[in-house]
C-alpha atoms as a PDB file:
ATOM      1  CA  UNK A   1      28.434  20.952  27.207  1.00  0.00           C
ATOM      2  CA  UNK A   2      25.468  23.270  26.952  1.00  0.00           C
ATOM      3  CA  UNK A   3      21.971  22.004  27.694  1.00  0.00           C
ATOM      4  CA  UNK A   4      20.977  22.686  24.049  1.00  0.00           C
ATOM      5  CA  UNK A   5      23.878  20.625  22.690  1.00  0.00           C
ATOM      6  CA  UNK A   6      23.013  17.803  25.077  1.00  0.00           C
ATOM      7  CA  UNK A   7      19.386  17.805  23.946  1.00  0.00           C
ATOM      8  CA  UNK A   8      20.415  17.914  20.297  1.00  0.00           C
ATOM      9  CA  UNK A   9      22.828  15.002  20.755  1.00  0.00           C
ATOM     10  CA  UNK A  10      20.112  13.011  22.511  1.00  0.00           C
ATOM     11  CA  UNK A  11      17.707  13.690  19.643  1.00  0.00           C
ATOM     12  CA  UNK A  12      20.284  12.485  17.102  1.00  0.00           C
ATOM     13  CA  UNK A  13      20.894   9.309  19.098  1.00  0.00           C
ATOM     14  CA  UNK A  14      17.167   8.625  19.407  1.00  0.00           C
ATOM     15  CA  UNK A  15      16.684   9.254  15.673  1.00  0.00           C
ATOM     16  CA  UNK A  16      19.542   6.903  14.789  1.00  0.00           C
ATOM     17  CA  UNK A  17      18.137   4.225  17.047  1.00  0.00           C
ATOM     18  CA  UNK A  18      14.718   4.595  15.388  1.00  0.00           C
ATOM     19  CA  UNK A  19      16.259   4.233  11.946  1.00  0.00           C
ATOM     20  CA  UNK A  20      18.164   1.128  13.047  1.00  0.00           C
ATOM     21  CA  UNK A  21      15.050  -0.326  14.623  1.00  0.00           C
ATOM     22  CA  UNK A  22      13.056   0.255  11.437  1.00  0.00           C
ATOM     23  CA  UNK A  23      15.802  -1.290   9.306  1.00  0.00           C
ATOM     24  CA  UNK A  24      15.844  -4.314  11.616  1.00  0.00           C
ATOM     25  CA  UNK A  25      12.063  -4.578  11.414  1.00  0.00           C
ATOM     26  CA  UNK A  26      12.195  -4.399   7.611  1.00  0.00           C
ATOM     27  CA  UNK A  27      14.895  -7.070   7.414  1.00  0.00           C
ATOM     28  CA  UNK A  28      12.897  -9.305   9.782  1.00  0.00           C
ATOM     29  CA  UNK A  29       9.777  -9.181   7.596  1.00  0.00           C
ATOM     30  CA  UNK A  30       8.787 -12.625   6.352  1.00  0.00           C
ATOM     31  CA  UNK A  31       5.664 -13.047   4.214  1.00  0.00           C
ATOM     32  CA  UNK A  32       3.141 -15.722   5.131  1.00  0.00           C
ATOM     33  CA  UNK A  33       1.124 -17.697   2.623  1.00  0.00           C
ATOM     34  CA  UNK A  34      -2.426 -16.352   2.557  1.00  0.00           C
ATOM     35  CA  UNK A  35      -1.574 -12.902   3.881  1.00  0.00           C
ATOM     36  CA  UNK A  36      -4.072 -10.330   2.651  1.00  0.00           C
ATOM     37  CA  UNK A  37      -3.018  -7.882  -0.063  1.00  0.00           C
ATOM     38  CA  UNK A  38      -4.783  -5.083  -1.900  1.00  0.00           C
ATOM     39  CA  UNK A  39      -6.424  -7.292  -4.539  1.00  0.00           C
ATOM     40  CA  UNK A  40      -5.447 -10.881  -3.683  1.00  0.00           C
ATOM     41  CA  UNK A  41      -3.942 -12.915  -0.872  1.00  0.00           C
ATOM     42  CA  UNK A  42      -0.282 -13.828  -1.331  1.00  0.00           C
ATOM     43  CA  UNK A  43       0.491 -17.340  -2.538  1.00  0.00           C
ATOM     44  CA  UNK A  44       3.928 -17.880  -4.101  1.00  0.00           C
ATOM     45  CA  UNK A  45       4.170 -19.484  -7.531  1.00  0.00           C
ATOM     46  CA  UNK A  46       6.098 -22.782  -7.538  1.00  0.00           C
ATOM     47  CA  UNK A  47       9.572 -22.067  -8.899  1.00  0.00           C
ATOM     48  CA  UNK A  48       9.205 -24.847 -11.472  1.00  0.00           C
ATOM     49  CA  UNK A  49       6.098 -23.136 -12.837  1.00  0.00           C
ATOM     50  CA  UNK A  50       7.842 -19.745 -12.891  1.00  0.00           C
ATOM     51  CA  UNK A  51      10.577 -21.326 -15.004  1.00  0.00           C
ATOM     52  CA  UNK A  52       8.012 -22.876 -17.349  1.00  0.00           C
ATOM     53  CA  UNK A  53       6.154 -19.564 -17.738  1.00  0.00           C
ATOM     54  CA  UNK A  54       9.376 -17.802 -18.720  1.00  0.00           C
ATOM     55  CA  UNK A  55      10.203 -20.667 -21.102  1.00  0.00           C
ATOM     56  CA  UNK A  56       6.789 -20.355 -22.772  1.00  0.00           C
ATOM     57  CA  UNK A  57       7.294 -16.611 -23.188  1.00  0.00           C
ATOM     58  CA  UNK A  58      10.791 -17.288 -24.599  1.00  0.00           C
ATOM     59  CA  UNK A  59      12.339 -14.676 -22.295  1.00  0.00           C
ATOM     60  CA  UNK A  60      15.822 -13.559 -23.346  1.00  0.00           C
ATOM     61  CA  UNK A  61      18.219 -10.739 -22.579  1.00  0.00           C
ATOM     62  CA  UNK A  62      16.375  -8.644 -25.174  1.00  0.00           C
ATOM     63  CA  UNK A  63      13.153  -8.574 -23.129  1.00  0.00           C
ATOM     64  CA  UNK A  64      11.656  -6.175 -20.629  1.00  0.00           C
ATOM     65  CA  UNK A  65       9.530  -8.249 -18.258  1.00  0.00           C
ATOM     66  CA  UNK A  66       6.868  -6.781 -15.972  1.00  0.00           C
ATOM     67  CA  UNK A  67       5.407  -8.896 -13.171  1.00  0.00           C
ATOM     68  CA  UNK A  68       2.074  -7.545 -11.928  1.00  0.00           C
ATOM     69  CA  UNK A  69       1.735  -8.320  -8.242  1.00  0.00           C
ATOM     70  CA  UNK A  70       5.349  -9.389  -7.836  1.00  0.00           C
ATOM     71  CA  UNK A  71       5.168 -10.658  -4.249  1.00  0.00           C
ATOM     72  CA  UNK A  72       8.570 -11.822  -2.991  1.00  0.00           C
ATOM     73  CA  UNK A  73      10.136 -11.067  -6.382  1.00  0.00           C
ATOM     74  CA  UNK A  74      10.872 -14.601  -7.522  1.00  0.00           C
ATOM     75  CA  UNK A  75       9.497 -14.183 -11.061  1.00  0.00           C
ATOM     76  CA  UNK A  76      11.334 -10.901 -11.633  1.00  0.00           C
ATOM     77  CA  UNK A  77      14.571 -12.334 -10.260  1.00  0.00           C
ATOM     78  CA  UNK A  78      14.169 -15.486 -12.384  1.00  0.00           C
ATOM     79  CA  UNK A  79      13.767 -13.330 -15.505  1.00  0.00           C
ATOM     80  CA  UNK A  80      16.844 -11.311 -14.529  1.00  0.00           C
ATOM     81  CA  UNK A  81      18.859 -14.519 -14.225  1.00  0.00           C
ATOM     82  CA  UNK A  82      18.143 -15.006 -17.939  1.00  0.00           C
ATOM     83  CA  UNK A  83      19.604 -11.584 -18.678  1.00  0.00           C
ATOM     84  CA  UNK A  84      16.278  -9.773 -19.092  1.00  0.00           C
ATOM     85  CA  UNK A  85      15.528  -6.436 -17.510  1.00  0.00           C
ATOM     86  CA  UNK A  86      12.576  -6.990 -15.208  1.00  0.00           C
ATOM     87  CA  UNK A  87      10.300  -4.835 -13.076  1.00  0.00           C
ATOM     88  CA  UNK A  88       8.000  -5.994 -10.313  1.00  0.00           C
ATOM     89  CA  UNK A  89       4.871  -4.006  -9.488  1.00  0.00           C
ATOM     90  CA  UNK A  90       3.789  -4.660  -5.911  1.00  0.00           C
ATOM     91  CA  UNK A  91       1.400  -2.743  -3.657  1.00  0.00           C
ATOM     92  CA  UNK A  92       2.773  -3.985  -0.317  1.00  0.00           C
ATOM     93  CA  UNK A  93       5.864  -1.915   0.585  1.00  0.00           C
ATOM     94  CA  UNK A  94       7.220  -4.667   2.854  1.00  0.00           C
ATOM     95  CA  UNK A  95       7.146  -7.101  -0.067  1.00  0.00           C
ATOM     96  CA  UNK A  96       8.881  -4.532  -2.257  1.00  0.00           C
ATOM     97  CA  UNK A  97      11.729  -4.173   0.250  1.00  0.00           C
ATOM     98  CA  UNK A  98      11.945  -7.951   0.660  1.00  0.00           C
ATOM     99  CA  UNK A  99      12.161  -8.362  -3.120  1.00  0.00           C
ATOM    100  CA  UNK A 100      14.916  -5.757  -3.352  1.00  0.00           C
ATOM    101  CA  UNK A 101      16.919  -7.583  -0.690  1.00  0.00           C
ATOM    102  CA  UNK A 102      16.399 -10.896  -2.492  1.00  0.00           C
ATOM    103  CA  UNK A 103      17.613  -9.372  -5.774  1.00  0.00           C
ATOM    104  CA  UNK A 104      20.615  -7.767  -4.061  1.00  0.00           C
ATOM    105  CA  UNK A 105      21.546 -11.087  -2.474  1.00  0.00           C
ATOM    106  CA  UNK A 106      21.897 -12.551  -5.973  1.00  0.00           C
ATOM    107  CA  UNK A 107      23.727  -9.533  -7.374  1.00  0.00           C
ATOM    108  CA  UNK A 108      20.827  -8.756  -9.701  1.00  0.00           C
ATOM    109  CA  UNK A 109      19.706  -5.334  -8.469  1.00  0.00           C
ATOM    110  CA  UNK A 110      20.701  -3.748 -11.784  1.00  0.00           C
ATOM    111  CA  UNK A 111      18.286  -5.956 -13.762  1.00  0.00           C
ATOM    112  CA  UNK A 112      15.634  -6.942 -11.192  1.00  0.00           C
ATOM    113  CA  UNK A 113      13.896  -3.846  -9.876  1.00  0.00           C
ATOM    114  CA  UNK A 114      10.729  -3.294  -7.870  1.00  0.00           C
ATOM    115  CA  UNK A 115       8.321  -0.427  -7.281  1.00  0.00           C
ATOM    116  CA  UNK A 116       5.442   0.047  -4.895  1.00  0.00           C
ATOM    117  CA  UNK A 117       2.464   0.806  -7.147  1.00  0.00           C
ATOM    118  CA  UNK A 118      -1.066  -0.167  -8.148  1.00  0.00           C
ATOM    119  CA  UNK A 119      -1.093  -2.549 -11.120  1.00  0.00           C
ATOM    120  CA  UNK A 120      -4.215  -0.853 -12.499  1.00  0.00           C
ATOM    121  CA  UNK A 121      -2.497   2.528 -12.577  1.00  0.00           C
ATOM    122  CA  UNK A 122       0.746   1.292 -14.141  1.00  0.00           C
ATOM    123  CA  UNK A 123       1.910   1.984 -17.703  1.00  0.00           C
ATOM    124  CA  UNK A 124       2.448  -1.430 -19.295  1.00  0.00           C
ATOM    125  CA  UNK A 125       3.637  -0.182 -22.684  1.00  0.00           C
ATOM    126  CA  UNK A 126       7.352  -0.836 -22.043  1.00  0.00           C
ATOM    127  CA  UNK A 127       6.836  -4.559 -21.500  1.00  0.00           C
ATOM    128  CA  UNK A 128       7.613  -7.201 -24.079  1.00  0.00           C
ATOM    129  CA  UNK A 129       6.533  -9.858 -21.545  1.00  0.00           C
ATOM    130  CA  UNK A 130       3.968  -9.558 -18.729  1.00  0.00           C
ATOM    131  CA  UNK A 131       3.625 -12.182 -16.009  1.00  0.00           C
ATOM    132  CA  UNK A 132       0.548 -12.638 -13.809  1.00  0.00           C
ATOM    133  CA  UNK A 133      -0.699 -14.647 -10.871  1.00  0.00           C
ATOM    134  CA  UNK A 134      -4.017 -12.897 -10.317  1.00  0.00           C
ATOM    135  CA  UNK A 135      -7.639 -13.961 -10.016  1.00  0.00           C
ATOM    136  CA  UNK A 136      -9.802 -14.152 -13.181  1.00  0.00           C
ATOM    137  CA  UNK A 137     -11.727 -10.949 -12.438  1.00  0.00           C
ATOM    138  CA  UNK A 138      -8.447  -9.032 -12.100  1.00  0.00           C
ATOM    139  CA  UNK A 139      -7.134 -10.503 -15.351  1.00  0.00           C
ATOM    140  CA  UNK A 140     -10.375  -9.395 -16.973  1.00  0.00           C
ATOM    141  CA  UNK A 141      -9.951  -5.842 -15.652  1.00  0.00           C
ATOM    142  CA  UNK A 142      -6.428  -5.773 -17.080  1.00  0.00           C
ATOM    143  CA  UNK A 143      -7.415  -7.293 -20.415  1.00  0.00           C
ATOM    144  CA  UNK A 144      -8.286  -4.056 -22.294  1.00  0.00           C
ATOM    145  CA  UNK A 145      -4.934  -2.519 -21.362  1.00  0.00           C
ATOM    146  CA  UNK A 146      -3.127  -5.708 -22.357  1.00  0.00           C
ATOM    147  CA  UNK A 147      -4.885  -5.938 -25.722  1.00  0.00           C
ATOM    148  CA  UNK A 148      -3.833  -2.354 -26.490  1.00  0.00           C
ATOM    149  CA  UNK A 149      -0.151  -3.283 -26.209  1.00  0.00           C
ATOM    150  CA  UNK A 150       2.183  -3.812 -29.152  1.00  0.00           C
ATOM    151  CA  UNK A 151       1.260  -6.920 -31.157  1.00  0.00           C
ATOM    152  CA  UNK A 152       3.554  -9.768 -30.187  1.00  0.00           C
ATOM    153  CA  UNK A 153       3.719  -8.843 -26.492  1.00  0.00           C
ATOM    154  CA  UNK A 154       3.666 -12.118 -24.560  1.00  0.00           C
ATOM    155  CA  UNK A 155       1.448 -12.608 -21.516  1.00  0.00           C
ATOM    156  CA  UNK A 156       1.909 -15.569 -19.164  1.00  0.00           C
ATOM    157  CA  UNK A 157      -0.360 -16.386 -16.242  1.00  0.00           C
ATOM    158  CA  UNK A 158      -0.200 -18.867 -13.412  1.00  0.00           C
ATOM    159  CA  UNK A 159      -3.473 -20.867 -13.421  1.00  0.00           C
ATOM    160  CA  UNK A 160      -6.044 -18.165 -14.160  1.00  0.00           C
ATOM    161  CA  UNK A 161      -7.363 -17.228 -17.589  1.00  0.00           C
ATOM    162  CA  UNK A 162      -8.698 -14.265 -19.544  1.00  0.00           C
ATOM    163  CA  UNK A 163     -12.342 -15.311 -19.924  1.00  0.00           C
ATOM    164  CA  UNK A 164     -13.292 -15.410 -23.639  1.00  0.00           C
ATOM    165  CA  UNK A 165      -9.713 -14.729 -24.747  1.00  0.00           C
ATOM    166  CA  UNK A 166      -8.430 -18.281 -25.071  1.00  0.00           C
ATOM    167  CA  UNK A 167      -4.784 -18.969 -24.383  1.00  0.00           C
ATOM    168  CA  UNK A 168      -2.483 -19.600 -27.338  1.00  0.00           C
ATOM    169  CA  UNK A 169      -0.681 -22.263 -25.303  1.00  0.00           C
ATOM    170  CA  UNK A 170      -1.317 -24.042 -22.011  1.00  0.00           C
ATOM    171  CA  UNK A 171       1.030 -26.253 -20.033  1.00  0.00           C
ATOM    172  CA  UNK A 172       0.175 -28.339 -16.951  1.00  0.00           C
ATOM    173  CA  UNK A 173       3.017 -29.059 -14.547  1.00  0.00           C
ATOM    174  CA  UNK A 174       2.963 -32.260 -12.526  1.00  0.00           C
ATOM    175  CA  UNK A 175       2.371 -30.813  -9.058  1.00  0.00           C
ATOM    176  CA  UNK A 176      -0.449 -30.302  -6.561  1.00  0.00           C
ATOM    177  CA  UNK A 177      -1.779 -26.730  -6.750  1.00  0.00           C
ATOM    178  CA  UNK A 178      -1.353 -23.738  -9.051  1.00  0.00           C
ATOM    179  CA  UNK A 179       0.404 -25.874 -11.635  1.00  0.00           C
ATOM    180  CA  UNK A 180      -0.904 -24.533 -14.958  1.00  0.00           C
ATOM    181  CA  UNK A 181       0.758 -21.933 -17.155  1.00  0.00           C
ATOM    182  CA  UNK A 182      -1.122 -20.041 -19.882  1.00  0.00           C
ATOM    183  CA  UNK A 183       0.421 -18.006 -22.695  1.00  0.00           C
ATOM    184  CA  UNK A 184      -1.273 -15.319 -24.786  1.00  0.00           C
ATOM    185  CA  UNK A 185       0.334 -13.318 -27.571  1.00  0.00           C
ATOM    186  CA  UNK A 186      -1.230  -9.915 -28.107  1.00  0.00           C
ATOM    187  CA  UNK A 187      -2.739 -10.009 -31.623  1.00  0.00           C
ATOM    188  CA  UNK A 188      -2.551  -7.278 -34.226  1.00  0.00           C
ATOM    189  CA  UNK A 189      -5.824  -5.435 -34.810  1.00  0.00           C
ATOM    190  CA  UNK A 190      -7.076  -6.393 -38.252  1.00  0.00           C
ATOM    191  CA  UNK A 191     -10.854  -6.070 -38.194  1.00  0.00           C
ATOM    192  CA  UNK A 192     -12.222  -4.150 -41.173  1.00  0.00           C
ATOM    193  CA  UNK A 193     -11.978  -4.031 -44.964  1.00  0.00           C
ATOM    194  CA  UNK A 194      -8.736  -4.613 -46.862  1.00  0.00           C
ATOM    195  CA  UNK A 195      -7.976  -4.248 -50.583  1.00  0.00           C
ATOM    196  CA  UNK A 196      -5.783  -6.775 -52.364  1.00  0.00           C
ATOM    197  CA  UNK A 197      -5.319  -7.892 -55.982  1.00  0.00           C
ATOM    198  CA  UNK A 198      -7.605 -10.869 -55.356  1.00  0.00           C
ATOM    199  CA  UNK A 199     -10.468  -8.551 -54.329  1.00  0.00           C
ATOM    200  CA  UNK A 200     -11.835  -7.110 -51.098  1.00  0.00           C
ATOM    201  CA  UNK A 201     -11.046  -8.826 -47.834  1.00  0.00           C
ATOM    202  CA  UNK A 202     -13.458  -8.236 -44.940  1.00  0.00           C
ATOM    203  CA  UNK A 203     -12.219  -9.431 -41.573  1.00  0.00           C
ATOM    204  CA  UNK A 204     -13.963  -9.920 -38.263  1.00  0.00           C
ATOM    205  CA  UNK A 205     -11.794 -10.496 -35.224  1.00  0.00           C
ATOM    206  CA  UNK A 206     -12.343 -12.192 -31.875  1.00  0.00           C
ATOM    207  CA  UNK A 207      -8.985 -11.823 -30.157  1.00  0.00           C
ATOM    208  CA  UNK A 208      -6.570 -14.044 -32.146  1.00  0.00           C
ATOM    209  CA  UNK A 209      -9.302 -15.716 -34.209  1.00  0.00           C
ATOM    210  CA  UNK A 210     -10.448 -14.229 -37.515  1.00  0.00           C
ATOM    211  CA  UNK A 211     -13.327 -14.919 -39.879  1.00  0.00           C
ATOM    212  CA  UNK A 212     -14.699 -13.050 -42.863  1.00  0.00           C
ATOM    213  CA  UNK A 213     -15.020 -13.040 -46.635  1.00  0.00           C
ATOM    214  CA  UNK A 214     -12.889 -12.505 -49.713  1.00  0.00           C
ATOM    215  CA  UNK A 215     -14.985 -10.891 -52.463  1.00  0.00           C
ATOM    216  CA  UNK A 216     -13.687 -11.082 -56.034  1.00  0.00           C
ATOM    217  CA  UNK A 217     -16.287  -9.965 -58.566  1.00  0.00           C
ATOM    218  CA  UNK A 218     -19.314 -12.209 -58.120  1.00  0.00           C
ATOM    219  CA  UNK A 219     -17.323 -14.767 -56.156  1.00  0.00           C
ATOM    220  CA  UNK A 220     -17.442 -14.582 -52.346  1.00  0.00           C
ATOM    221  CA  UNK A 221     -15.261 -16.927 -50.358  1.00  0.00           C
ATOM    222  CA  UNK A 222     -15.533 -17.537 -46.629  1.00  0.00           C
ATOM    223  CA  UNK A 223     -12.312 -17.345 -44.698  1.00  0.00           C
ATOM    224  CA  UNK A 224     -11.159 -18.610 -41.321  1.00  0.00           C
ATOM    225  CA  UNK A 225      -7.813 -18.108 -39.683  1.00  0.00           C
ATOM    226  CA  UNK A 226      -5.885 -16.743 -36.746  1.00  0.00           C
ATOM    227  CA  UNK A 227      -3.259 -14.302 -35.591  1.00  0.00           C
ATOM    228  CA  UNK A 228      -0.123 -14.850 -33.577  1.00  0.00           C
ATOM    229  CA  UNK A 229       1.080 -11.396 -32.703  1.00  0.00           C
ATOM    230  CA  UNK A 230       1.544  -9.599 -36.018  1.00  0.00           C
ATOM    231  CA  UNK A 231       1.551 -12.858 -37.997  1.00  0.00           C
ATOM    232  CA  UNK A 232      -1.681 -13.669 -39.850  1.00  0.00           C
ATOM    233  CA  UNK A 233      -2.823 -16.879 -41.492  1.00  0.00           C
ATOM    234  CA  UNK A 234      -6.126 -17.732 -43.181  1.00  0.00           C
ATOM    235  CA  UNK A 235      -7.520 -19.987 -45.895  1.00  0.00           C
ATOM    236  CA  UNK A 236      -9.912 -18.858 -48.643  1.00  0.00           C
ATOM    237  CA  UNK A 237     -11.075 -21.147 -51.418  1.00  0.00           C
ATOM    238  CA  UNK A 238      -8.332 -23.654 -50.711  1.00  0.00           C
ATOM    239  CA  UNK A 239      -5.613 -20.971 -50.921  1.00  0.00           C
ATOM    240  CA  UNK A 240      -3.486 -20.440 -47.817  1.00  0.00           C
ATOM    241  CA  UNK A 241      -2.536 -16.847 -47.056  1.00  0.00           C
ATOM    242  CA  UNK A 242       0.264 -16.040 -44.623  1.00  0.00           C
ATOM    243  CA  UNK A 243       1.612 -12.611 -43.868  1.00  0.00           C
ATOM    244  CA  UNK A 244       2.744 -10.016 -41.387  1.00  0.00           C
ATOM    245  CA  UNK A 245       0.600  -7.079 -40.273  1.00  0.00           C
ATOM    246  CA  UNK A 246       2.180  -3.650 -40.026  1.00  0.00           C
ATOM    247  CA  UNK A 247      -0.423  -1.012 -39.231  1.00  0.00           C
ATOM    248  CA  UNK A 248      -2.656  -0.745 -42.304  1.00  0.00           C
ATOM    249  CA  UNK A 249      -0.565  -3.089 -44.457  1.00  0.00           C
ATOM    250  CA  UNK A 250      -0.302  -6.858 -44.699  1.00  0.00           C
ATOM    251  CA  UNK A 251       2.437  -8.465 -46.778  1.00  0.00           C
ATOM    252  CA  UNK A 252       3.195 -12.137 -47.180  1.00  0.00           C
ATOM    253  CA  UNK A 253       2.990 -15.240 -49.336  1.00  0.00           C
ATOM    254  CA  UNK A 254       0.029 -17.252 -50.564  1.00  0.00           C
ATOM    255  CA  UNK A 255       0.178 -20.899 -51.520  1.00  0.00           C
ATOM    256  CA  UNK A 256      -1.973 -22.778 -54.027  1.00  0.00           C
ATOM    257  CA  UNK A 257      -1.034 -26.429 -54.231  1.00  0.00           C
ATOM    258  CA  UNK A 258       2.745 -26.419 -54.551  1.00  0.00           C
ATOM    259  CA  UNK A 259       3.011 -22.906 -55.966  1.00  0.00           C
ATOM    260  CA  UNK A 260       3.702 -19.819 -53.846  1.00  0.00           C
ATOM    261  CA  UNK A 261       3.520 -16.124 -54.679  1.00  0.00           C
ATOM    262  CA  UNK A 262       3.597 -12.794 -52.869  1.00  0.00           C
ATOM    263  CA  UNK A 263       0.447 -10.964 -51.781  1.00  0.00           C
ATOM    264  CA  UNK A 264      -0.279  -7.689 -50.068  1.00  0.00           C
ATOM    265  CA  UNK A 265      -3.350  -5.941 -48.683  1.00  0.00           C
ATOM    266  CA  UNK A 266      -4.018  -2.400 -47.528  1.00  0.00           C
ATOM    267  CA  UNK A 267      -6.738  -0.994 -45.326  1.00  0.00           C
END
């Protein structure tokens, strides 16, 4: 054997050994509670709370779930068990590889996928459900992007809130730490003036809460109501208005006493 072939064979052997050593190192990686990450330290969500968060978001096989800061992958994998397609966004490449192995071990690699990326540079528009276990200041940084998503997108967070954006639902699990789940539903954007047969509707919006006036001739009625995704409800002058928002149109039913009739408004 020539000296060149011997050197080349030795290089191939050394390279193969390095690859095997790296694979062994990757498979040996075990996260530790409190390990430092890019934005937060890693603390796993209790599985019971993960299940409750997915219950609150009503996750089904029709959903695309995105977990921001997916850690060891348990939330993504739990969503995949329900038939959903789910994607974990995680900055730590070791955690990404660990999550992929965990998903593969359950035969869920086709539905539970993971990428190494920065949550603040990630396109969230595909998600119908977003899950979070981040600190309040990080939730606040994400809030503008979340509010720009399609109305009806469900957001669930372990423990931490969204500042002035109050949760639509909150559930407290009977455990010791990190035991609260919050749900928000991205509201339609309705602020402005709307025309309807009953007059001019002027709406002001603070997240899912709405106030304003309904002006009909000389009569001006105060209104108060709320949104749940693209569903709107408010009361004006004792009349209950319910409808669904689609861009610059609202259509629904109004109820006066026991009588109901259709109504529509356009902006």
